[in-house]
Amino acid sequence: MKNNLLIRTLTGNTILISLLVGALILSRKEAIAQGAKDSASLLAGQADKLSFTMYLSSIVSNGNRSVKVQVRRKENKKTISVVNLKSPINLYLNEVKENNPTDGTGWISKLHLNHEGEGTFEFPSKFNKLTSGLHEYTFIAKMDSDLIYKDVEDEITISDAKIDIEYTGEDSIKTVTATLSAWKDLAYVPVPEIEVKLGIKRTFNFLPFGDPGLSTDENGEIFGELPLDIPGNANGTLTIVARLEDDETYGTVEATADIPWTVLPKINPLRGRTLWSSGDNAPLLLVISSVTIIVIIWGTIIYLIYLLFRIKRLSKASYTYGQK
């Protein structure tokens, strides 16, 4: 009797366990199928979106680092700017993760592109302090979750470099020496055989001087002779620019220096109020007389029109009175 009861109990437990195991297996299969369906839907949604290409470039100007991002896509065999990107672009240092406040790695900042499909990440001064021990930077730009465009990620790796400017001024010869050096092992060393451009900073661009297409020598130096007839700034200085442009290893490196200069820009003298001056500098007496004459003439015309309307109204009133 006891044996029969034990057998029945074991049989019931076995059936119950089998049912639970079967239910778990079915739930697992449904979850896997749903996950596959969601992944397929996500991939299908990504396939329907437009694609574009992201370009990153590093810029170092007088020790201040920034990263420029440009977004382009092809349409009808033409490369055009992406102007309707709604999602922001996030920038990371070395790896995609949360920001590490101790060394500055991870997430740096985010920005929205302008109407030309471009944007520049400007780094705060604390970024340079946190990363002062780094001499190689890997910047990662990432965009995701946009309604129109596919997710995109791009990165660049830039080595640390700098440019030093030295000015030598004599009576008849004024020269500028720019030295390009990069970090190697434990110090900055000269970088030979790289083209560095010399120029004079103007309002919207810079005016090149020296022999074009020259590269740095074995000491990382390049020389240029300044033209003596170039007008400088109003404060008696001339702004010199030395630039390494879009190098694969160092990016764009730029340095500026203000040097003393004796050729000042031409300053137009103040124009007095004379009869031969332009309209905005006419003599006050002439301006007042002209305005007075114009007011009198138009006032007379308006008064005459008023009298005509009054005469007409009076004639209608007298005609009505005569009828009565």
Protein backbone atom coordinates (compact mmCIF):
# COMPACT_ATOMS: atom_id res chain seq x y z
CA MET A 1 0.00 0.00 0.00
CA LYS A 2 2.74 2.38 1.01
CA ASN A 3 4.72 1.42 -2.07
CA ASN A 4 1.75 2.19 -4.35
CA LEU A 5 1.30 5.60 -2.69
CA LEU A 6 5.01 6.37 -3.08
CA ILE A 7 4.93 5.38 -6.73
CA ARG A 8 1.89 7.59 -7.37
CA THR A 9 3.55 10.53 -5.63
CA LEU A 10 6.75 10.14 -7.64
CA THR A 11 4.79 9.81 -10.85
CA GLY A 12 2.83 13.00 -10.09
CA ASN A 13 5.97 14.95 -9.27
CA THR A 14 7.65 13.72 -12.46
CA ILE A 15 4.69 14.88 -14.55
CA LEU A 16 4.64 18.26 -12.81
CA ILE A 17 8.37 18.76 -13.33
CA SER A 18 8.05 17.79 -16.99
CA LEU A 19 5.25 20.30 -17.47
CA LEU A 20 7.31 23.08 -15.84
CA VAL A 21 10.36 22.26 -17.95
CA GLY A 22 8.25 22.26 -21.11
CA ALA A 23 6.72 25.61 -20.20
CA LEU A 24 10.18 27.09 -19.61
CA ILE A 25 11.42 25.79 -22.94
CA LEU A 26 8.41 27.24 -24.77
CA SER A 27 8.85 30.62 -23.03
CA ARG A 28 12.52 30.63 -23.96
CA LYS A 29 11.72 29.88 -27.59
CA GLU A 30 9.10 32.65 -27.69
CA ALA A 31 11.58 35.12 -26.16
CA ILE A 32 14.24 34.17 -28.70
CA ALA A 33 11.74 34.47 -31.53
CA GLN A 34 10.57 37.87 -30.27
CA GLY A 35 14.17 39.06 -29.93
CA ALA A 36 14.94 37.91 -33.45
CA LYS A 37 11.81 39.68 -34.66
CA ASP A 38 12.80 42.90 -32.88
CA SER A 39 16.33 42.69 -34.29
CA ALA A 40 14.94 42.10 -37.76
CA SER A 41 12.62 45.10 -37.36
CA LEU A 42 15.52 47.24 -36.17
CA LEU A 43 17.68 46.17 -39.09
CA ALA A 44 14.82 46.78 -41.49
CA GLY A 45 14.35 50.25 -40.00
CA GLN A 46 18.07 50.97 -40.38
CA ALA A 47 17.98 49.70 -43.96
CA ASP A 48 15.24 52.19 -44.83
CA LYS A 49 17.30 55.13 -43.53
CA LEU A 50 19.76 57.21 -45.53
CA SER A 51 23.51 56.84 -45.11
CA PHE A 52 26.21 59.50 -44.96
CA THR A 53 29.94 59.83 -44.33
CA MET A 54 31.49 61.60 -41.37
CA TYR A 55 34.89 63.33 -41.56
CA LEU A 56 36.88 64.29 -38.46
CA SER A 57 39.85 66.64 -38.27
CA SER A 58 41.94 67.78 -35.32
CA ILE A 59 43.04 71.40 -34.92
CA VAL A 60 45.61 72.75 -32.46
CA SER A 61 45.95 76.55 -32.43
CA ASN A 62 48.46 78.02 -29.95
CA GLY A 63 48.04 74.97 -27.72
CA ASN A 64 44.23 75.01 -27.77
CA ARG A 65 42.80 71.82 -29.23
CA SER A 66 39.50 71.39 -31.08
CA VAL A 67 37.89 68.79 -33.34
CA LYS A 68 35.93 69.64 -36.48
CA VAL A 69 33.28 67.30 -37.85
CA GLN A 70 31.84 67.39 -41.37
CA VAL A 71 28.95 65.29 -42.64
CA ARG A 72 28.50 64.55 -46.36
CA ARG A 73 26.44 62.18 -48.46
CA LYS A 74 26.13 61.34 -52.13
CA GLU A 75 23.03 62.19 -54.12
CA ASN A 76 22.75 61.85 -57.90
CA LYS A 77 26.51 61.23 -58.11
CA LYS A 78 27.20 64.49 -56.27
CA THR A 79 28.60 64.98 -52.78
CA ILE A 80 26.38 67.31 -50.76
CA SER A 81 26.21 68.48 -47.16
CA VAL A 82 23.78 66.92 -44.71
CA VAL A 83 21.66 69.83 -43.53
CA ASN A 84 18.70 68.06 -41.89
CA LEU A 85 20.44 65.93 -39.27
CA LYS A 86 18.35 66.26 -36.10
CA SER A 87 20.30 64.05 -33.69
CA PRO A 88 23.40 65.47 -31.98
CA ILE A 89 26.90 64.10 -32.50
CA ASN A 90 28.72 62.92 -29.37
CA LEU A 91 32.49 63.10 -29.06
CA TYR A 92 34.56 60.70 -26.95
CA LEU A 93 38.24 60.50 -26.07
CA ASN A 94 39.97 57.11 -26.50
CA GLU A 95 36.82 55.00 -25.92
CA VAL A 96 33.04 55.22 -25.90
CA LYS A 97 32.08 55.42 -22.24
CA GLU A 98 30.98 57.85 -19.55
CA ASN A 99 33.28 60.78 -18.83
CA ASN A 100 36.15 60.07 -16.47
CA PRO A 101 36.74 63.29 -14.50
CA THR A 102 40.22 62.20 -13.39
CA ASP A 103 41.87 61.94 -16.82
CA GLY A 104 39.28 63.43 -19.22
CA THR A 105 38.74 60.23 -21.22
CA GLY A 106 35.32 59.05 -22.34
CA TRP A 107 32.48 61.38 -23.28
CA ILE A 108 33.57 64.97 -23.89
CA SER A 109 30.56 66.84 -25.29
CA LYS A 110 27.89 66.88 -27.97
CA LEU A 111 26.78 69.36 -30.62
CA HIS A 112 24.28 69.91 -33.43
CA LEU A 113 25.63 70.62 -36.89
CA ASN A 114 25.07 73.97 -38.60
CA HIS A 115 23.22 74.54 -41.89
CA GLU A 116 26.37 73.53 -43.81
CA GLY A 117 26.64 70.12 -42.15
CA GLU A 118 29.63 71.13 -40.02
CA GLY A 119 30.43 71.65 -36.38
CA THR A 120 33.47 72.26 -34.15
CA PHE A 121 34.01 70.85 -30.68
CA GLU A 122 35.72 73.52 -28.61
CA PHE A 123 37.43 72.08 -25.53
CA PRO A 124 37.48 73.96 -22.20
CA SER A 125 40.75 74.85 -20.49
CA LYS A 126 40.28 72.07 -17.93
CA PHE A 127 40.43 69.52 -20.76
CA ASN A 128 44.02 70.53 -21.55
CA LYS A 129 44.91 70.22 -17.86
CA LEU A 130 43.33 66.77 -17.51
CA THR A 131 45.00 65.45 -20.68
CA SER A 132 48.37 67.13 -20.17
CA GLY A 133 49.96 63.70 -19.73
CA LEU A 134 48.59 62.41 -23.04
CA HIS A 135 50.55 62.77 -26.26
CA GLU A 136 48.33 60.68 -28.50
CA TYR A 137 44.60 61.29 -28.82
CA THR A 138 41.93 59.06 -30.28
CA PHE A 139 38.75 61.05 -30.89
CA ILE A 140 35.55 59.11 -31.58
CA ALA A 141 32.45 60.82 -32.99
CA LYS A 142 29.17 58.93 -32.80
CA MET A 143 25.65 59.68 -34.02
CA ASP A 144 22.66 57.42 -33.41
CA SER A 145 18.87 57.37 -33.09
CA ASP A 146 18.16 59.76 -35.94
CA LEU A 147 14.81 59.47 -37.71
CA ILE A 148 16.23 59.89 -41.22
CA TYR A 149 19.86 58.72 -41.19
CA LYS A 150 21.61 55.53 -40.17
CA ASP A 151 23.85 55.37 -37.10
CA VAL A 152 27.42 56.48 -37.88
CA GLU A 153 30.68 56.33 -35.96
CA ASP A 154 34.11 57.60 -36.97
CA GLU A 155 37.44 58.11 -35.23
CA ILE A 156 40.86 59.66 -35.74
CA THR A 157 44.13 59.18 -33.89
CA ILE A 158 46.36 62.25 -33.57
CA SER A 159 49.89 62.54 -32.21
CA ASP A 160 50.94 65.58 -30.20
CA ALA A 161 52.85 68.31 -32.08
CA LYS A 162 53.55 72.02 -31.77
CA ILE A 163 54.99 74.95 -33.76
CA ASP A 164 57.30 77.64 -32.39
CA ILE A 165 57.78 80.97 -34.19
CA GLU A 166 60.91 83.10 -34.02
CA TYR A 167 61.23 86.56 -35.57
CA THR A 168 64.45 88.29 -36.60
CA GLY A 169 64.14 91.95 -37.57
CA GLU A 170 66.82 94.06 -39.19
CA ASP A 171 66.65 97.26 -41.21
CA SER A 172 66.37 95.68 -44.64
CA ILE A 173 65.72 91.97 -43.94
CA LYS A 174 63.01 90.62 -41.68
CA THR A 175 62.73 86.85 -41.42
CA VAL A 176 60.46 84.38 -39.63
CA THR A 177 61.51 80.90 -38.54
CA ALA A 178 58.89 78.27 -37.70
CA THR A 179 59.96 75.06 -35.94
CA LEU A 180 57.74 71.97 -36.03
CA SER A 181 58.31 69.44 -33.27
CA ALA A 182 56.40 66.34 -32.14
CA TRP A 183 56.39 64.30 -28.96
CA LYS A 184 58.50 61.19 -29.13
CA ASP A 185 59.53 59.04 -26.18
CA LEU A 186 59.98 61.64 -23.43
CA ALA A 187 60.49 64.95 -25.28
CA TYR A 188 59.58 67.04 -28.30
CA VAL A 189 61.83 66.33 -31.28
CA PRO A 190 62.07 68.15 -34.65
CA VAL A 191 59.96 66.81 -37.52
CA PRO A 192 61.72 67.02 -40.91
CA GLU A 193 60.32 66.93 -44.45
CA ILE A 194 56.80 68.21 -43.73
CA GLU A 195 55.32 71.22 -45.49
CA VAL A 196 54.59 74.11 -43.14
CA LYS A 197 53.01 77.28 -44.53
CA LEU A 198 53.90 80.79 -43.41
CA GLY A 199 51.43 83.64 -43.69
CA ILE A 200 50.30 87.02 -42.45
CA LYS A 201 46.93 87.10 -40.77
CA ARG A 202 44.37 89.23 -42.55
CA THR A 203 40.72 89.90 -41.74
CA PHE A 204 39.24 86.76 -43.31
CA ASN A 205 42.28 84.62 -44.20
CA PHE A 206 46.04 84.77 -44.20
CA LEU A 207 48.40 86.08 -46.86
CA PRO A 208 51.22 83.58 -47.59
CA PHE A 209 54.82 84.73 -47.83
CA GLY A 210 58.15 82.98 -48.44
CA ASP A 211 58.83 80.30 -51.02
CA PRO A 212 55.76 78.10 -51.60
CA GLY A 213 55.89 74.33 -51.11
CA LEU A 214 58.94 74.30 -48.81
CA SER A 215 59.30 71.54 -46.23
CA THR A 216 61.03 71.58 -42.87
CA ASP A 217 64.73 70.76 -42.76
CA GLU A 218 66.48 68.24 -40.50
CA ASN A 219 65.95 70.63 -37.56
CA GLY A 220 62.23 70.87 -38.24
CA GLU A 221 62.62 74.50 -39.34
CA ILE A 222 61.30 76.54 -42.24
CA PHE A 223 62.31 80.11 -43.07
CA GLY A 224 60.49 82.96 -44.76
CA GLU A 225 61.37 86.56 -45.55
CA LEU A 226 58.69 89.12 -44.81
CA PRO A 227 57.74 91.70 -47.46
CA LEU A 228 58.51 95.16 -46.12
CA ASP A 229 55.54 96.98 -47.67
CA ILE A 230 52.77 94.96 -46.00
CA PRO A 231 50.63 97.16 -43.72
CA GLY A 232 50.31 95.85 -40.18
CA ASN A 233 47.75 96.33 -37.44
CA ALA A 234 46.67 99.68 -36.07
CA ASN A 235 48.57 99.00 -32.81
CA GLY A 236 51.91 98.76 -34.63
CA THR A 237 52.15 94.97 -34.85
CA LEU A 238 51.96 92.33 -37.56
CA THR A 239 50.35 88.91 -36.88
CA ILE A 240 52.40 86.00 -38.26
CA VAL A 241 50.87 82.54 -38.80
CA ALA A 242 52.66 79.19 -39.20
CA ARG A 243 50.42 76.27 -40.11
CA LEU A 244 50.64 72.55 -40.76
CA GLU A 245 47.44 71.61 -42.58
CA ASP A 246 45.52 68.32 -42.38
CA ASP A 247 48.43 66.01 -41.72
CA GLU A 248 47.53 62.34 -41.26
CA THR A 249 49.62 62.03 -38.12
CA TYR A 250 49.38 65.43 -36.45
CA GLY A 251 46.22 66.96 -37.93
CA THR A 252 46.21 70.75 -38.29
CA VAL A 253 48.75 72.54 -36.09
CA GLU A 254 48.84 76.33 -36.03
CA ALA A 255 50.75 79.02 -34.16
CA THR A 256 50.50 82.82 -34.29
CA ALA A 257 52.79 85.59 -33.06
CA ASP A 258 52.54 89.38 -33.00
CA ILE A 259 55.76 91.09 -34.05
CA PRO A 260 56.59 94.84 -34.02
CA TRP A 261 55.89 96.54 -37.34
CA THR A 262 56.39 100.07 -38.60
CA VAL A 263 54.15 100.04 -41.69
CA LEU A 264 50.75 101.07 -40.36
CA PRO A 265 47.46 100.70 -42.21
CA LYS A 266 46.12 103.71 -44.05
CA ILE A 267 43.60 105.60 -41.96
CA ASN A 268 41.02 107.66 -43.80
CA PRO A 269 40.81 111.19 -42.41
CA LEU A 270 37.61 112.40 -40.85
CA ARG A 271 35.37 114.02 -43.42
CA GLY A 272 34.10 117.48 -42.53
CA ARG A 273 30.73 118.95 -43.39
CA THR A 274 31.45 120.76 -46.64
CA LEU A 275 29.47 121.54 -49.79
CA TRP A 276 31.47 118.98 -51.78
CA SER A 277 31.00 116.18 -49.21
CA SER A 278 28.55 113.31 -49.62
CA GLY A 279 24.98 113.62 -48.46
CA ASP A 280 25.58 112.29 -44.96
CA ASN A 281 28.22 115.02 -44.37
CA ALA A 282 26.36 118.01 -45.82
CA PRO A 283 26.50 121.27 -43.81
CA LEU A 284 23.85 121.51 -41.11
CA LEU A 285 22.55 124.86 -42.36
CA LEU A 286 21.99 123.36 -45.82
CA VAL A 287 20.24 120.32 -44.32
CA ILE A 288 17.95 122.48 -42.18
CA SER A 289 17.13 124.79 -45.11
CA SER A 290 16.30 121.85 -47.41
CA VAL A 291 14.06 120.20 -44.83
CA THR A 292 12.27 123.50 -44.13
CA ILE A 293 11.59 124.13 -47.83
CA ILE A 294 10.27 120.59 -48.33
CA VAL A 295 7.97 120.92 -45.31
CA ILE A 296 6.61 124.27 -46.56
CA ILE A 297 5.92 122.95 -50.07
CA TRP A 298 4.17 119.76 -48.92
CA GLY A 299 2.31 121.71 -46.23
CA THR A 300 0.99 124.11 -48.88
CA ILE A 301 -0.12 121.23 -51.15
CA ILE A 302 -1.94 119.50 -48.28
CA TYR A 303 -3.62 122.74 -47.28
CA LEU A 304 -4.85 123.35 -50.84
CA ILE A 305 -6.31 119.83 -51.01
CA TYR A 306 -8.04 120.49 -47.70
CA LEU A 307 -9.57 123.70 -49.09
CA LEU A 308 -10.85 121.88 -52.20
CA PHE A 309 -12.65 119.30 -50.09
CA ARG A 310 -14.09 122.06 -47.90
CA ILE A 311 -15.36 124.03 -50.91
CA LYS A 312 -17.00 120.90 -52.29
CA ARG A 313 -18.68 120.18 -48.96
CA LEU A 314 -19.96 123.77 -48.68
CA SER A 315 -21.34 123.71 -52.24
CA LYS A 316 -23.32 120.55 -51.48
CA ALA A 317 -24.67 122.10 -48.29
CA SER A 318 -25.80 125.32 -50.11
CA TYR A 319 -27.46 123.30 -52.88
CA THR A 320 -29.42 121.30 -50.34
CA TYR A 321 -30.48 124.46 -48.55
CA GLY A 322 -31.69 126.02 -51.85
CA GLN A 323 -33.88 122.96 -52.61
CA LYS A 324 -35.64 123.34 -49.33
